[in-house]
Amino acid sequence: MVTLPIIISLLLAYIMGSIPTAVWVGKAFYGIDVREYGSGNAGATNTFRVLGKKAGIPVLLVDSLKGFGAVSLIHLFAEEPISTDAYVNYQLALGIAAVIGHIFPVFAGFRGGKGIATLLGIMLAIHTEGALLAMSIFIIVFAITKFVSLGSMVAAISFPFIIVLVFQSTVPSLIVFSMFIAILVLITHQKNIERLVRREESKANISIKNLIKQAGEDD
């Protein structure tokens, strides 16, 4: 049953997801709208590409926190008692609302990003171990190929297998959501796939070691 608290929490999750981190950082500190450059997306990857690491790292962290924070709203709005399946379903609904907000942000003319960093935050909040394993796969693929897009797609495709085969989850909605993530990432990366096939995809001029070093310096 959809209650007023649920509606309010979903609205808050959407608003949280709608925070256009890349757009605000670009305009506030660099005087440009990242959506007018690179891939045209208001996400962390395009921010790295257009503005560099000093802008990209904060955008990545904040966009991930948007997803994590949206899912965490359940602690404020969930009514007890609640079954495990219902709890996960509620988490997923909050996460999806945040992703919709990121892709179609009310604060930025409904022109947002692909939602990858926000999905990462959602995954971390709902299934931390599975998300960390998927992140490890992304890091390995990225370290070898230097393609952020390829790393994202491989990690996303691996996530359902991680949930079902590695952690043997039996929660139907979680399994469906893991598949949804894989499909969504593939859909939003169609142009990247075409460029990879044509060998025209740009490699990221960054390394995992440098990202960690830069993050430490920024702290």
Protein backbone atom coordinates (compact mmCIF):
# COMPACT_ATOMS: atom_id res chain seq x y z
CA MET A 1 0.00 0.00 0.00
CA VAL A 2 1.33 3.41 -1.00
CA THR A 3 1.15 5.75 1.96
CA LEU A 4 1.90 9.45 2.32
CA PRO A 5 5.31 8.81 3.97
CA ILE A 6 6.28 6.60 1.01
CA ILE A 7 5.25 9.27 -1.49
CA ILE A 8 7.19 11.92 0.43
CA SER A 9 10.29 9.73 0.64
CA LEU A 10 10.19 8.97 -3.10
CA LEU A 11 9.84 12.66 -3.87
CA LEU A 12 12.81 13.45 -1.62
CA ALA A 13 14.84 10.70 -3.30
CA TYR A 14 14.06 12.20 -6.71
CA ILE A 15 15.01 15.69 -5.51
CA MET A 16 18.25 14.33 -4.04
CA GLY A 17 19.04 12.62 -7.33
CA SER A 18 18.24 15.84 -9.20
CA ILE A 19 21.16 17.72 -7.67
CA PRO A 20 23.17 18.45 -10.87
CA THR A 21 26.62 18.18 -9.33
CA ALA A 22 28.56 18.31 -12.60
CA VAL A 23 26.59 21.31 -13.88
CA TRP A 24 26.92 23.31 -10.68
CA VAL A 25 30.62 22.53 -10.22
CA GLY A 26 31.34 23.42 -13.84
CA LYS A 27 29.46 26.70 -13.73
CA ALA A 28 30.59 27.75 -10.27
CA PHE A 29 34.32 27.03 -10.56
CA TYR A 30 35.02 26.94 -14.30
CA GLY A 31 32.32 29.09 -15.84
CA ILE A 32 31.17 26.38 -18.25
CA ASP A 33 28.33 23.92 -18.60
CA VAL A 34 29.85 20.45 -19.03
CA ARG A 35 26.79 19.43 -21.06
CA GLU A 36 28.05 21.66 -23.87
CA TYR A 37 31.32 19.74 -24.15
CA GLY A 38 32.58 16.18 -24.47
CA SER A 39 29.77 13.63 -24.46
CA GLY A 40 27.21 16.25 -23.46
CA ASN A 41 26.31 14.41 -20.25
CA ALA A 42 26.18 15.94 -16.80
CA GLY A 43 27.99 13.10 -15.10
CA ALA A 44 31.28 12.26 -13.45
CA THR A 45 32.88 10.69 -16.54
CA ASN A 46 32.26 13.74 -18.70
CA THR A 47 33.43 15.98 -15.87
CA PHE A 48 36.74 14.11 -15.76
CA ARG A 49 36.97 14.44 -19.53
CA VAL A 50 36.12 18.15 -19.70
CA LEU A 51 37.32 19.61 -16.40
CA GLY A 52 39.88 17.12 -15.12
CA LYS A 53 40.47 15.28 -11.86
CA LYS A 54 40.00 18.17 -9.44
CA ALA A 55 36.40 18.55 -10.61
CA GLY A 56 35.77 14.92 -11.52
CA ILE A 57 36.57 13.39 -8.14
CA PRO A 58 34.14 15.58 -6.13
CA VAL A 59 31.41 15.06 -8.74
CA LEU A 60 31.93 11.29 -8.63
CA LEU A 61 31.76 11.25 -4.83
CA VAL A 62 28.70 13.50 -4.55
CA ASP A 63 26.80 11.69 -7.31
CA SER A 64 27.50 8.38 -5.57
CA LEU A 65 26.38 9.84 -2.24
CA LYS A 66 23.13 10.94 -3.88
CA GLY A 67 22.25 7.31 -4.56
CA PHE A 68 23.47 6.12 -1.16
CA GLY A 69 21.61 8.93 0.62
CA ALA A 70 18.38 8.34 -1.27
CA VAL A 71 18.32 4.65 -0.31
CA SER A 72 19.17 5.58 3.28
CA LEU A 73 15.93 7.57 3.51
CA ILE A 74 14.33 4.23 4.30
CA HIS A 75 15.61 4.55 7.87
CA LEU A 76 13.48 7.66 8.31
CA PHE A 77 10.33 6.53 6.55
CA ALA A 78 10.06 2.73 6.82
CA GLU A 79 7.22 1.61 9.07
CA GLU A 80 7.82 -1.36 11.35
CA PRO A 81 7.41 -4.26 11.09
CA ILE A 82 8.58 -4.82 7.52
CA SER A 83 9.59 -8.03 5.78
CA THR A 84 12.98 -8.49 4.12
CA ASP A 85 11.50 -8.48 0.62
CA ALA A 86 9.40 -5.38 1.34
CA TYR A 87 12.45 -3.64 2.81
CA VAL A 88 14.53 -4.33 -0.30
CA ASN A 89 11.64 -3.30 -2.55
CA TYR A 90 11.41 0.02 -0.71
CA GLN A 91 15.17 0.54 -1.03
CA LEU A 92 15.01 -0.15 -4.74
CA ALA A 93 12.11 2.25 -5.24
CA LEU A 94 14.07 5.01 -3.51
CA GLY A 95 17.14 4.22 -5.60
CA ILE A 96 15.21 4.25 -8.87
CA ALA A 97 13.67 7.61 -7.93
CA ALA A 98 17.19 9.00 -7.39
CA VAL A 99 18.43 7.66 -10.74
CA ILE A 100 15.44 9.21 -12.51
CA GLY A 101 16.32 12.47 -10.78
CA HIS A 102 19.93 12.25 -11.94
CA ILE A 103 18.98 11.50 -15.55
CA PHE A 104 16.12 14.03 -15.60
CA PRO A 105 17.09 16.64 -12.96
CA VAL A 106 14.43 19.21 -12.16
CA PHE A 107 17.19 21.68 -11.21
CA ALA A 108 18.94 21.50 -14.59
CA GLY A 109 16.24 21.55 -17.23
CA PHE A 110 15.78 17.77 -17.06
CA ARG A 111 19.13 17.27 -18.85
CA GLY A 112 21.32 15.14 -16.63
CA GLY A 113 23.82 12.31 -16.80
CA LYS A 114 23.71 8.56 -17.32
CA GLY A 115 23.35 7.78 -13.62
CA ILE A 116 26.34 5.44 -13.29
CA ALA A 117 27.83 7.05 -10.16
CA THR A 118 24.37 7.32 -8.60
CA LEU A 119 23.74 3.65 -9.36
CA LEU A 120 27.03 2.83 -7.66
CA GLY A 121 25.86 4.58 -4.50
CA ILE A 122 22.58 2.68 -4.64
CA MET A 123 24.37 -0.62 -5.10
CA LEU A 124 26.66 0.14 -2.16
CA ALA A 125 23.69 0.93 0.07
CA ILE A 126 21.64 -2.11 -0.90
CA HIS A 127 24.32 -4.79 -1.41
CA THR A 128 27.71 -3.48 -0.31
CA GLU A 129 29.69 -6.66 -0.94
CA GLY A 130 28.30 -7.15 -4.43
CA ALA A 131 28.90 -3.51 -5.31
CA LEU A 132 32.52 -3.66 -4.11
CA LEU A 133 33.13 -6.76 -6.20
CA ALA A 134 31.64 -5.04 -9.26
CA MET A 135 33.84 -2.01 -8.54
CA SER A 136 36.87 -4.29 -8.47
CA ILE A 137 35.93 -5.58 -11.91
CA PHE A 138 35.58 -2.01 -13.17
CA ILE A 139 39.02 -1.10 -11.80
CA ILE A 140 40.64 -4.14 -13.44
CA VAL A 141 39.04 -3.49 -16.84
CA PHE A 142 39.80 0.23 -16.67
CA ALA A 143 43.39 -0.34 -15.58
CA ILE A 144 43.94 -2.65 -18.55
CA THR A 145 42.05 -0.74 -21.26
CA LYS A 146 41.83 2.88 -20.00
CA PHE A 147 38.22 2.90 -21.22
CA VAL A 148 35.85 4.17 -18.50
CA SER A 149 32.84 3.19 -20.60
CA LEU A 150 34.04 -0.38 -21.11
CA GLY A 151 34.83 -0.77 -17.42
CA SER A 152 31.37 0.52 -16.49
CA MET A 153 29.61 -1.84 -18.90
CA VAL A 154 31.58 -4.93 -17.88
CA ALA A 155 31.02 -4.17 -14.18
CA ALA A 156 27.30 -3.60 -14.76
CA ILE A 157 26.90 -6.81 -16.76
CA SER A 158 28.75 -8.75 -14.07
CA PHE A 159 26.53 -7.43 -11.26
CA PRO A 160 23.56 -9.81 -11.83
CA PHE A 161 25.93 -12.77 -11.92
CA ILE A 162 27.58 -11.55 -8.72
CA ILE A 163 24.21 -11.27 -6.96
CA VAL A 164 22.87 -14.63 -8.15
CA LEU A 165 25.97 -16.85 -8.41
CA VAL A 166 28.39 -15.40 -5.88
CA PHE A 167 26.04 -14.26 -3.12
CA GLN A 168 23.14 -16.54 -4.11
CA SER A 169 20.47 -13.95 -3.39
CA THR A 170 16.89 -15.20 -3.51
CA VAL A 171 15.20 -11.79 -3.29
CA PRO A 172 13.35 -11.49 -6.62
CA SER A 173 13.32 -7.69 -6.74
CA LEU A 174 17.08 -7.49 -6.08
CA ILE A 175 17.79 -9.95 -8.88
CA VAL A 176 15.54 -8.02 -11.27
CA PHE A 177 17.17 -4.75 -10.24
CA SER A 178 20.65 -6.12 -10.87
CA MET A 179 19.49 -7.06 -14.38
CA PHE A 180 17.92 -3.62 -14.77
CA ILE A 181 21.27 -2.00 -13.97
CA ALA A 182 23.02 -4.06 -16.66
CA ILE A 183 20.38 -3.24 -19.27
CA LEU A 184 20.25 0.46 -18.35
CA VAL A 185 24.01 0.85 -18.56
CA LEU A 186 24.09 -0.83 -21.97
CA ILE A 187 21.26 1.39 -23.23
CA THR A 188 22.86 4.60 -21.99
CA HIS A 189 26.22 3.58 -23.47
CA GLN A 190 25.04 2.84 -27.00
CA LYS A 191 27.19 5.60 -28.49
CA ASN A 192 30.17 4.39 -26.50
CA ILE A 193 29.63 0.87 -27.83
CA GLU A 194 29.54 2.21 -31.39
CA ARG A 195 32.75 4.15 -30.83
CA LEU A 196 34.42 1.10 -29.27
CA VAL A 197 33.46 -1.00 -32.28
CA ARG A 198 34.84 1.68 -34.61
CA ARG A 199 37.90 2.03 -32.36
CA GLU A 200 37.10 5.71 -31.90
CA GLU A 201 36.42 5.70 -28.16
CA SER A 202 38.71 8.03 -26.22
CA LYS A 203 40.88 6.56 -23.51
CA ALA A 204 40.90 8.32 -20.16
CA ASN A 205 44.16 10.08 -19.45
CA ILE A 206 44.03 9.08 -15.80
CA SER A 207 45.13 6.14 -13.71
CA ILE A 208 43.80 4.52 -10.55
CA LYS A 209 47.05 5.40 -8.76
CA ASN A 210 46.78 9.06 -9.74
CA LEU A 211 43.11 9.22 -8.76
CA ILE A 212 43.91 7.90 -5.29
CA LYS A 213 46.84 10.30 -4.98
CA GLN A 214 44.70 13.23 -6.12
CA ALA A 215 41.92 12.30 -3.70
CA GLY A 216 44.44 12.31 -0.86
CA GLU A 217 45.79 15.71 -1.88
CA ASP A 218 42.27 17.15 -2.09
CA ASP A 219 41.55 15.97 1.47
